[in-house]
Amino acid sequence: MLEFITGMTLAASAGLNAYIPLLGLGLLSRFTELVQLPAAWAWLENEWALGVLGVLLLVEVLVDKFPALDSVNDVLQTVVRPASGGIVFSAGSSSDTFAVTDPAEFIASADVWPFLIGVLIALVPHVLKAVARPVINTLTAGAGAAVSSTLEDLGALVLTVLAIVVPVLALALLVAVLVVLIRRLRRALAERAARRAGGLAG
């Protein structure tokens, strides 16, 4: 069960930022004893993979802070984030971690279903984020882009670390993040509707 929670939380983290959980798994596996990736996913700790992921993360972090560019980025990431979710679900749920010492019975690295589950899980926060961001940008005249993006990046980072160290706490945080994202979306849509109604009335 903990393996599933680890994979699920990592996949959700990928829905917020595709590269943080990938880079996190690779770095933790290469430089610490917290994660031991199975052979099928050992490429994540390769120095070239880590370098490429680091550059992509830097680009993502910068682009996502600017209104309009963040929406274009969300469209491009509609493929990348779910794919990342599939990878980190498969890799994370089949790895020896600080909390899970024998995941072998839960999943085989050759199975396809963990990847598909990860794709679907990552889509949820990605869609919530992609729908909410343009509305927030409009309501805040673009000022909300950097704040929202920073909170999402921090959420992805914390979820990634907790998924490895304390999966149950990571699950609780994931639920909280989803609730916040849904409330933020509903509030933004309600405010936009109110503004439109006010404009028509005027």
C-alpha atoms as a PDB file:
ATOM      1  CA  MET A   1       0.000   0.000   0.000  1.00  0.00           C
ATOM      2  CA  LEU A   2       2.816   2.427   0.820  1.00  0.00           C
ATOM      3  CA  GLU A   3       4.303   1.774  -2.626  1.00  0.00           C
ATOM      4  CA  PHE A   4       1.062   2.891  -4.251  1.00  0.00           C
ATOM      5  CA  ILE A   5       0.910   6.018  -2.079  1.00  0.00           C
ATOM      6  CA  THR A   6       4.513   6.852  -2.969  1.00  0.00           C
ATOM      7  CA  GLY A   7       3.854   6.448  -6.688  1.00  0.00           C
ATOM      8  CA  MET A   8       0.562   8.319  -6.554  1.00  0.00           C
ATOM      9  CA  THR A   9       2.033  11.292  -4.696  1.00  0.00           C
ATOM     10  CA  LEU A  10       5.007  11.502  -7.040  1.00  0.00           C
ATOM     11  CA  ALA A  11       2.664  11.410 -10.041  1.00  0.00           C
ATOM     12  CA  ALA A  12       0.526  14.197  -8.598  1.00  0.00           C
ATOM     13  CA  SER A  13       3.695  16.201  -7.995  1.00  0.00           C
ATOM     14  CA  ALA A  14       4.526  15.780 -11.683  1.00  0.00           C
ATOM     15  CA  GLY A  15       1.141  17.305 -12.491  1.00  0.00           C
ATOM     16  CA  LEU A  16       2.321  20.490 -10.808  1.00  0.00           C
ATOM     17  CA  ASN A  17       5.866  20.435 -12.178  1.00  0.00           C
ATOM     18  CA  ALA A  18       7.038  17.681 -14.508  1.00  0.00           C
ATOM     19  CA  TYR A  19      10.714  17.883 -13.645  1.00  0.00           C
ATOM     20  CA  ILE A  20      10.863  18.201  -9.854  1.00  0.00           C
ATOM     21  CA  PRO A  21       9.876  14.581  -9.049  1.00  0.00           C
ATOM     22  CA  LEU A  22      12.026  13.186 -11.891  1.00  0.00           C
ATOM     23  CA  LEU A  23      15.038  15.182 -10.743  1.00  0.00           C
ATOM     24  CA  GLY A  24      14.254  14.420  -7.098  1.00  0.00           C
ATOM     25  CA  LEU A  25      14.202  10.659  -7.659  1.00  0.00           C
ATOM     26  CA  GLY A  26      17.398  10.808  -9.693  1.00  0.00           C
ATOM     27  CA  LEU A  27      19.309  12.942  -7.201  1.00  0.00           C
ATOM     28  CA  LEU A  28      18.115  11.026  -4.145  1.00  0.00           C
ATOM     29  CA  SER A  29      19.045   7.732  -5.770  1.00  0.00           C
ATOM     30  CA  ARG A  30      22.466   8.941  -6.914  1.00  0.00           C
ATOM     31  CA  PHE A  31      23.578  10.794  -3.805  1.00  0.00           C
ATOM     32  CA  THR A  32      21.661   9.306  -0.858  1.00  0.00           C
ATOM     33  CA  GLU A  33      20.454   6.012   0.542  1.00  0.00           C
ATOM     34  CA  LEU A  34      16.832   7.181   0.628  1.00  0.00           C
ATOM     35  CA  VAL A  35      16.044   5.731  -2.805  1.00  0.00           C
ATOM     36  CA  GLN A  36      17.373   2.754  -4.739  1.00  0.00           C
ATOM     37  CA  LEU A  37      15.930   2.796  -8.232  1.00  0.00           C
ATOM     38  CA  PRO A  38      15.332  -0.540  -9.975  1.00  0.00           C
ATOM     39  CA  ALA A  39      17.457  -1.309 -13.032  1.00  0.00           C
ATOM     40  CA  ALA A  40      14.733  -0.239 -15.476  1.00  0.00           C
ATOM     41  CA  TRP A  41      14.753   3.300 -14.065  1.00  0.00           C
ATOM     42  CA  ALA A  42      18.442   3.645 -13.183  1.00  0.00           C
ATOM     43  CA  TRP A  43      18.864   6.065 -16.107  1.00  0.00           C
ATOM     44  CA  LEU A  44      17.201   8.737 -13.958  1.00  0.00           C
ATOM     45  CA  GLU A  45      20.374   8.992 -11.861  1.00  0.00           C
ATOM     46  CA  ASN A  46      22.680   9.224 -14.886  1.00  0.00           C
ATOM     47  CA  GLU A  47      24.613  12.495 -14.902  1.00  0.00           C
ATOM     48  CA  TRP A  48      23.400  13.366 -18.409  1.00  0.00           C
ATOM     49  CA  ALA A  49      19.784  12.748 -17.476  1.00  0.00           C
ATOM     50  CA  LEU A  50      20.195  14.827 -14.327  1.00  0.00           C
ATOM     51  CA  GLY A  51      21.810  17.639 -16.311  1.00  0.00           C
ATOM     52  CA  VAL A  52      19.050  17.708 -18.923  1.00  0.00           C
ATOM     53  CA  LEU A  53      16.342  17.570 -16.254  1.00  0.00           C
ATOM     54  CA  GLY A  54      18.046  20.389 -14.370  1.00  0.00           C
ATOM     55  CA  VAL A  55      18.055  22.627 -17.458  1.00  0.00           C
ATOM     56  CA  LEU A  56      14.418  21.783 -18.260  1.00  0.00           C
ATOM     57  CA  LEU A  57      13.438  22.525 -14.668  1.00  0.00           C
ATOM     58  CA  LEU A  58      15.150  25.917 -14.803  1.00  0.00           C
ATOM     59  CA  VAL A  59      13.311  26.790 -18.028  1.00  0.00           C
ATOM     60  CA  GLU A  60       9.996  25.600 -16.570  1.00  0.00           C
ATOM     61  CA  VAL A  61      10.462  27.579 -13.350  1.00  0.00           C
ATOM     62  CA  LEU A  62      11.272  30.787 -15.231  1.00  0.00           C
ATOM     63  CA  VAL A  63       8.651  30.551 -17.991  1.00  0.00           C
ATOM     64  CA  ASP A  64       5.877  29.603 -15.591  1.00  0.00           C
ATOM     65  CA  LYS A  65       6.286  32.870 -13.684  1.00  0.00           C
ATOM     66  CA  PHE A  66       5.105  35.111 -16.540  1.00  0.00           C
ATOM     67  CA  PRO A  67       1.470  35.602 -17.566  1.00  0.00           C
ATOM     68  CA  ALA A  68       0.584  34.383 -21.073  1.00  0.00           C
ATOM     69  CA  LEU A  69       3.845  32.428 -21.261  1.00  0.00           C
ATOM     70  CA  ASP A  70       2.602  30.254 -18.416  1.00  0.00           C
ATOM     71  CA  SER A  71      -0.536  29.362 -20.372  1.00  0.00           C
ATOM     72  CA  VAL A  72       1.481  28.496 -23.478  1.00  0.00           C
ATOM     73  CA  ASN A  73       3.724  26.392 -21.264  1.00  0.00           C
ATOM     74  CA  ASP A  74       0.695  24.614 -19.778  1.00  0.00           C
ATOM     75  CA  VAL A  75      -0.438  23.636 -23.273  1.00  0.00           C
ATOM     76  CA  LEU A  76       3.004  22.202 -24.083  1.00  0.00           C
ATOM     77  CA  GLN A  77       3.150  20.468 -20.709  1.00  0.00           C
ATOM     78  CA  THR A  78      -0.144  18.648 -21.360  1.00  0.00           C
ATOM     79  CA  VAL A  79       1.970  15.832 -22.781  1.00  0.00           C
ATOM     80  CA  VAL A  80       5.070  16.231 -20.609  1.00  0.00           C
ATOM     81  CA  ARG A  81       3.487  16.325 -17.140  1.00  0.00           C
ATOM     82  CA  PRO A  82       1.323  13.207 -17.569  1.00  0.00           C
ATOM     83  CA  ALA A  83       4.284  11.357 -19.120  1.00  0.00           C
ATOM     84  CA  SER A  84       6.423  12.402 -16.169  1.00  0.00           C
ATOM     85  CA  GLY A  85       3.631  11.242 -13.853  1.00  0.00           C
ATOM     86  CA  GLY A  86       3.690   7.830 -15.494  1.00  0.00           C
ATOM     87  CA  ILE A  87       7.455   7.559 -15.150  1.00  0.00           C
ATOM     88  CA  VAL A  88       7.653   8.633 -11.505  1.00  0.00           C
ATOM     89  CA  PHE A  89       4.693   6.440 -10.510  1.00  0.00           C
ATOM     90  CA  SER A  90       6.377   3.419 -12.091  1.00  0.00           C
ATOM     91  CA  ALA A  91       9.846   4.263 -10.799  1.00  0.00           C
ATOM     92  CA  GLY A  92       8.777   5.404  -7.342  1.00  0.00           C
ATOM     93  CA  SER A  93       6.421   2.536  -6.603  1.00  0.00           C
ATOM     94  CA  SER A  94       8.997  -0.063  -7.637  1.00  0.00           C
ATOM     95  CA  SER A  95      11.962   1.467  -5.764  1.00  0.00           C
ATOM     96  CA  ASP A  96      13.402   0.704  -2.365  1.00  0.00           C
ATOM     97  CA  THR A  97      12.852   3.886  -0.387  1.00  0.00           C
ATOM     98  CA  PHE A  98      13.246   5.134   3.152  1.00  0.00           C
ATOM     99  CA  ALA A  99       9.672   4.023   3.881  1.00  0.00           C
ATOM    100  CA  VAL A 100       9.390   0.981   1.572  1.00  0.00           C
ATOM    101  CA  THR A 101      12.085  -1.672   1.753  1.00  0.00           C
ATOM    102  CA  ASP A 102      10.551  -4.432  -0.385  1.00  0.00           C
ATOM    103  CA  PRO A 103       8.348  -3.211  -3.240  1.00  0.00           C
ATOM    104  CA  ALA A 104       9.022  -6.250  -5.432  1.00  0.00           C
ATOM    105  CA  GLU A 105       5.677  -7.912  -4.819  1.00  0.00           C
ATOM    106  CA  PHE A 106       3.643  -4.817  -5.647  1.00  0.00           C
ATOM    107  CA  ILE A 107       4.906  -4.055  -9.115  1.00  0.00           C
ATOM    108  CA  ALA A 108       7.163  -5.318 -11.857  1.00  0.00           C
ATOM    109  CA  SER A 109       9.141  -2.689 -13.726  1.00  0.00           C
ATOM    110  CA  ALA A 110       7.904  -4.088 -17.047  1.00  0.00           C
ATOM    111  CA  ASP A 111       4.223  -3.572 -16.171  1.00  0.00           C
ATOM    112  CA  VAL A 112       2.359  -0.980 -18.223  1.00  0.00           C
ATOM    113  CA  TRP A 113      -0.516  -0.270 -15.832  1.00  0.00           C
ATOM    114  CA  PRO A 114       1.562   1.729 -13.299  1.00  0.00           C
ATOM    115  CA  PHE A 115       2.614   4.103 -16.073  1.00  0.00           C
ATOM    116  CA  LEU A 116      -0.995   4.577 -17.188  1.00  0.00           C
ATOM    117  CA  ILE A 117      -2.163   5.170 -13.618  1.00  0.00           C
ATOM    118  CA  GLY A 118       0.581   7.765 -13.171  1.00  0.00           C
ATOM    119  CA  VAL A 119      -0.479   9.512 -16.378  1.00  0.00           C
ATOM    120  CA  LEU A 120      -4.086   9.768 -15.179  1.00  0.00           C
ATOM    121  CA  ILE A 121      -3.114  10.958 -11.696  1.00  0.00           C
ATOM    122  CA  ALA A 122      -0.792  13.664 -13.061  1.00  0.00           C
ATOM    123  CA  LEU A 123      -3.526  14.916 -15.371  1.00  0.00           C
ATOM    124  CA  VAL A 124      -5.729  15.974 -12.445  1.00  0.00           C
ATOM    125  CA  PRO A 125      -3.506  18.703 -10.925  1.00  0.00           C
ATOM    126  CA  HIS A 126      -2.260  19.652 -14.396  1.00  0.00           C
ATOM    127  CA  VAL A 127      -5.781  20.338 -15.674  1.00  0.00           C
ATOM    128  CA  LEU A 128      -6.744  22.219 -12.508  1.00  0.00           C
ATOM    129  CA  LYS A 129      -3.612  24.326 -12.825  1.00  0.00           C
ATOM    130  CA  ALA A 130      -3.996  24.952 -16.572  1.00  0.00           C
ATOM    131  CA  VAL A 131      -7.640  26.018 -16.237  1.00  0.00           C
ATOM    132  CA  ALA A 132      -7.145  28.203 -13.165  1.00  0.00           C
ATOM    133  CA  ARG A 133      -4.015  30.058 -14.244  1.00  0.00           C
ATOM    134  CA  PRO A 134      -5.472  32.223 -17.074  1.00  0.00           C
ATOM    135  CA  VAL A 135      -8.393  33.214 -14.861  1.00  0.00           C
ATOM    136  CA  ILE A 136      -6.078  34.139 -11.981  1.00  0.00           C
ATOM    137  CA  ASN A 137      -3.841  36.104 -14.336  1.00  0.00           C
ATOM    138  CA  THR A 138      -6.822  38.046 -15.661  1.00  0.00           C
ATOM    139  CA  LEU A 139      -8.181  38.835 -12.194  1.00  0.00           C
ATOM    140  CA  THR A 140      -4.780  39.906 -10.833  1.00  0.00           C
ATOM    141  CA  ALA A 141      -3.538  41.684 -13.970  1.00  0.00           C
ATOM    142  CA  GLY A 142      -0.789  39.070 -14.236  1.00  0.00           C
ATOM    143  CA  ALA A 143       0.519  39.502 -10.703  1.00  0.00           C
ATOM    144  CA  GLY A 144      -0.805  36.102  -9.635  1.00  0.00           C
ATOM    145  CA  ALA A 145       1.347  34.149 -12.100  1.00  0.00           C
ATOM    146  CA  ALA A 146       4.568  34.264 -10.103  1.00  0.00           C
ATOM    147  CA  VAL A 147       2.847  33.625  -6.775  1.00  0.00           C
ATOM    148  CA  SER A 148       0.832  30.684  -8.080  1.00  0.00           C
ATOM    149  CA  SER A 149       3.816  29.183  -9.861  1.00  0.00           C
ATOM    150  CA  THR A 150       6.057  29.481  -6.795  1.00  0.00           C
ATOM    151  CA  LEU A 151       3.465  27.803  -4.571  1.00  0.00           C
ATOM    152  CA  GLU A 152       3.015  25.013  -7.120  1.00  0.00           C
ATOM    153  CA  ASP A 153       6.773  24.437  -7.349  1.00  0.00           C
ATOM    154  CA  LEU A 154       7.096  24.341  -3.569  1.00  0.00           C
ATOM    155  CA  GLY A 155       4.160  21.932  -3.375  1.00  0.00           C
ATOM    156  CA  ALA A 156       5.771  19.651  -5.954  1.00  0.00           C
ATOM    157  CA  LEU A 157       9.083  19.710  -4.067  1.00  0.00           C
ATOM    158  CA  VAL A 158       7.549  18.962  -0.663  1.00  0.00           C
ATOM    159  CA  LEU A 159       5.324  16.215  -2.104  1.00  0.00           C
ATOM    160  CA  THR A 160       8.342  14.595  -3.771  1.00  0.00           C
ATOM    161  CA  VAL A 161      10.414  14.487  -0.590  1.00  0.00           C
ATOM    162  CA  LEU A 162       7.543  13.358   1.624  1.00  0.00           C
ATOM    163  CA  ALA A 163       6.554  10.640  -0.873  1.00  0.00           C
ATOM    164  CA  ILE A 164       9.966   9.061  -0.289  1.00  0.00           C
ATOM    165  CA  VAL A 165      10.294   9.643   3.449  1.00  0.00           C
ATOM    166  CA  VAL A 166       6.743   9.719   4.874  1.00  0.00           C
ATOM    167  CA  PRO A 167       4.235   8.541   2.239  1.00  0.00           C
ATOM    168  CA  VAL A 168       1.186   8.769   4.493  1.00  0.00           C
ATOM    169  CA  LEU A 169       1.937  12.398   5.344  1.00  0.00           C
ATOM    170  CA  ALA A 170       2.534  13.010   1.638  1.00  0.00           C
ATOM    171  CA  LEU A 171      -0.932  11.626   0.892  1.00  0.00           C
ATOM    172  CA  ALA A 172      -2.509  13.961   3.456  1.00  0.00           C
ATOM    173  CA  LEU A 173      -0.655  16.917   1.926  1.00  0.00           C
ATOM    174  CA  LEU A 174      -1.726  15.820  -1.555  1.00  0.00           C
ATOM    175  CA  VAL A 175      -5.371  15.887  -0.519  1.00  0.00           C
ATOM    176  CA  ALA A 176      -4.854  19.366   0.920  1.00  0.00           C
ATOM    177  CA  VAL A 177      -3.158  20.569  -2.292  1.00  0.00           C
ATOM    178  CA  LEU A 178      -6.013  19.262  -4.440  1.00  0.00           C
ATOM    179  CA  VAL A 179      -8.578  20.928  -2.189  1.00  0.00           C
ATOM    180  CA  VAL A 180      -6.684  24.232  -2.473  1.00  0.00           C
ATOM    181  CA  LEU A 181      -6.438  23.923  -6.264  1.00  0.00           C
ATOM    182  CA  ILE A 182     -10.150  23.173  -6.606  1.00  0.00           C
ATOM    183  CA  ARG A 183     -11.143  26.027  -4.286  1.00  0.00           C
ATOM    184  CA  ARG A 184      -8.815  28.401  -6.097  1.00  0.00           C
ATOM    185  CA  LEU A 185     -10.351  27.438  -9.420  1.00  0.00           C
ATOM    186  CA  ARG A 186     -13.916  27.803  -8.140  1.00  0.00           C
ATOM    187  CA  ARG A 187     -13.149  31.177  -6.546  1.00  0.00           C
ATOM    188  CA  ALA A 188     -11.443  32.450  -9.691  1.00  0.00           C
ATOM    189  CA  LEU A 189     -14.337  31.347 -11.893  1.00  0.00           C
ATOM    190  CA  ALA A 190     -16.854  32.912  -9.519  1.00  0.00           C
ATOM    191  CA  GLU A 191     -14.942  36.215  -9.477  1.00  0.00           C
ATOM    192  CA  ARG A 192     -14.713  36.235 -13.262  1.00  0.00           C
ATOM    193  CA  ALA A 193     -18.434  35.570 -13.550  1.00  0.00           C
ATOM    194  CA  ALA A 194     -19.148  38.389 -11.072  1.00  0.00           C
ATOM    195  CA  ARG A 195     -16.981  40.804 -13.075  1.00  0.00           C
ATOM    196  CA  ARG A 196     -18.729  39.863 -16.286  1.00  0.00           C
ATOM    197  CA  ALA A 197     -22.111  40.319 -14.656  1.00  0.00           C
ATOM    198  CA  GLY A 198     -21.023  43.722 -13.325  1.00  0.00           C
ATOM    199  CA  GLY A 199     -19.779  44.730 -16.747  1.00  0.00           C
ATOM    200  CA  LEU A 200     -23.047  43.775 -18.393  1.00  0.00           C
ATOM    201  CA  ALA A 201     -25.018  45.606 -15.735  1.00  0.00           C
ATOM    202  CA  GLY A 202     -22.916  48.718 -16.279  1.00  0.00           C
END
